[in-house]
């Protein structure tokens, strides 16, 4: 006897949206506590092109994740931080593997 096929829903796969979430992603984190992250992501291209991103990130306060409540908020925060980290590492003349402030 053949094993049963896995159910896509068991792997968070939807027949309508595939691997994407069923609801559209957030445009902005609702809690103003995360405004520093949102400011950077809204100006990311200009910060990278002007070579100012690393300096701005180096002065960022360390923010807690305690105000992220819903899964869409966690997804938005993850995406923001991934883009900022990627741009920080690769956004200069040479890639960084250690923070400039270390």
Protein backbone atom coordinates (compact mmCIF):
# COMPACT_ATOMS: atom_id res chain seq x y z
CA UNK A 1 0.00 0.00 0.00
CA UNK A 2 1.27 3.45 -0.89
CA UNK A 3 1.57 6.10 1.81
CA UNK A 4 -1.01 8.84 1.67
CA UNK A 5 -0.06 12.09 0.02
CA UNK A 6 0.73 14.93 2.41
CA UNK A 7 -1.84 17.68 2.70
CA UNK A 8 -0.49 21.03 1.43
CA UNK A 9 -2.21 22.82 4.33
CA UNK A 10 0.02 20.88 6.74
CA UNK A 11 2.96 22.79 5.21
CA UNK A 12 1.25 26.20 5.05
CA UNK A 13 0.70 25.84 1.30
CA UNK A 14 -2.56 27.22 -0.05
CA UNK A 15 -4.34 26.17 -3.24
CA UNK A 16 -5.02 29.88 -3.87
CA UNK A 17 -1.76 31.56 -2.92
CA UNK A 18 0.83 28.76 -2.86
CA UNK A 19 3.59 29.55 -0.37
CA UNK A 20 2.48 33.17 0.01
CA UNK A 21 0.27 34.15 2.94
CA UNK A 22 -3.46 34.27 2.24
CA UNK A 23 -3.70 37.90 3.41
CA UNK A 24 -1.70 40.73 1.81
CA UNK A 25 1.46 41.75 3.69
CA UNK A 26 1.44 44.78 5.98
CA UNK A 27 2.55 48.09 4.47
CA UNK A 28 3.83 49.25 7.85
CA UNK A 29 4.20 47.94 11.37
CA UNK A 30 1.30 49.36 13.41
CA UNK A 31 3.26 50.13 16.58
CA UNK A 32 5.18 53.46 16.40
CA UNK A 33 7.90 51.82 18.49
CA UNK A 34 9.23 50.38 15.22
CA UNK A 35 9.35 53.75 13.42
CA UNK A 36 13.19 53.66 13.23
CA UNK A 37 13.04 50.45 11.17
CA UNK A 38 10.24 51.83 8.98
CA UNK A 39 12.14 55.09 8.36
CA UNK A 40 15.17 53.20 7.15
CA UNK A 41 13.23 50.84 4.90
CA UNK A 42 11.30 53.73 3.31
CA UNK A 43 14.61 55.48 2.51
CA UNK A 44 16.70 52.37 1.87
CA UNK A 45 17.59 53.07 -1.76
CA UNK A 46 18.72 56.64 -1.07
CA UNK A 47 20.70 55.57 1.99
CA UNK A 48 22.51 52.86 0.02
CA UNK A 49 23.20 55.08 -2.99
CA UNK A 50 24.51 57.90 -0.80
CA UNK A 51 26.61 55.43 1.21
CA UNK A 52 24.95 56.57 4.46
CA UNK A 53 23.12 53.36 5.39
CA UNK A 54 25.89 51.87 7.52
CA UNK A 55 26.20 55.04 9.59
CA UNK A 56 22.44 55.23 10.14
CA UNK A 57 22.22 51.56 11.13
CA UNK A 58 25.20 51.88 13.48
CA UNK A 59 23.30 54.55 15.45
CA UNK A 60 20.01 52.61 15.60
CA UNK A 61 18.75 51.66 19.04
CA UNK A 62 18.33 47.94 19.66
CA UNK A 63 14.58 47.35 19.58
CA UNK A 64 12.72 44.56 21.31
CA UNK A 65 10.30 42.30 19.46
CA UNK A 66 7.82 42.33 22.34
CA UNK A 67 5.40 44.63 20.48
CA UNK A 68 5.12 42.32 17.46
CA UNK A 69 1.80 40.58 18.08
CA UNK A 70 0.48 39.00 14.89
CA UNK A 71 2.09 36.78 12.29
CA UNK A 72 1.84 39.53 9.62
CA UNK A 73 3.71 41.88 11.98
CA UNK A 74 6.44 39.28 12.48
CA UNK A 75 6.67 38.76 8.71
CA UNK A 76 6.97 42.51 8.11
CA UNK A 77 9.67 42.87 10.77
CA UNK A 78 11.60 39.91 9.36
CA UNK A 79 11.46 41.36 5.84
CA UNK A 80 12.55 44.82 6.98
CA UNK A 81 15.47 43.50 9.00
CA UNK A 82 16.55 41.14 6.22
CA UNK A 83 16.66 43.98 3.68
CA UNK A 84 18.51 46.27 6.10
CA UNK A 85 21.05 43.56 6.98
CA UNK A 86 21.65 42.68 3.33
CA UNK A 87 22.09 46.33 2.40
CA UNK A 88 24.37 46.95 5.38
CA UNK A 89 26.65 44.07 4.42
CA UNK A 90 26.72 44.61 0.65
CA UNK A 91 25.99 48.35 0.37
CA UNK A 92 29.54 49.66 0.46
CA UNK A 93 32.70 49.46 -1.61
CA UNK A 94 33.49 46.15 0.07
CA UNK A 95 31.21 43.77 1.97
CA UNK A 96 31.35 43.86 5.75
CA UNK A 97 31.45 40.81 7.96
CA UNK A 98 31.72 42.77 11.24
CA UNK A 99 29.93 45.95 12.34
CA UNK A 100 31.96 49.13 11.88
CA UNK A 101 31.38 49.97 15.54
CA UNK A 102 32.94 46.72 16.80
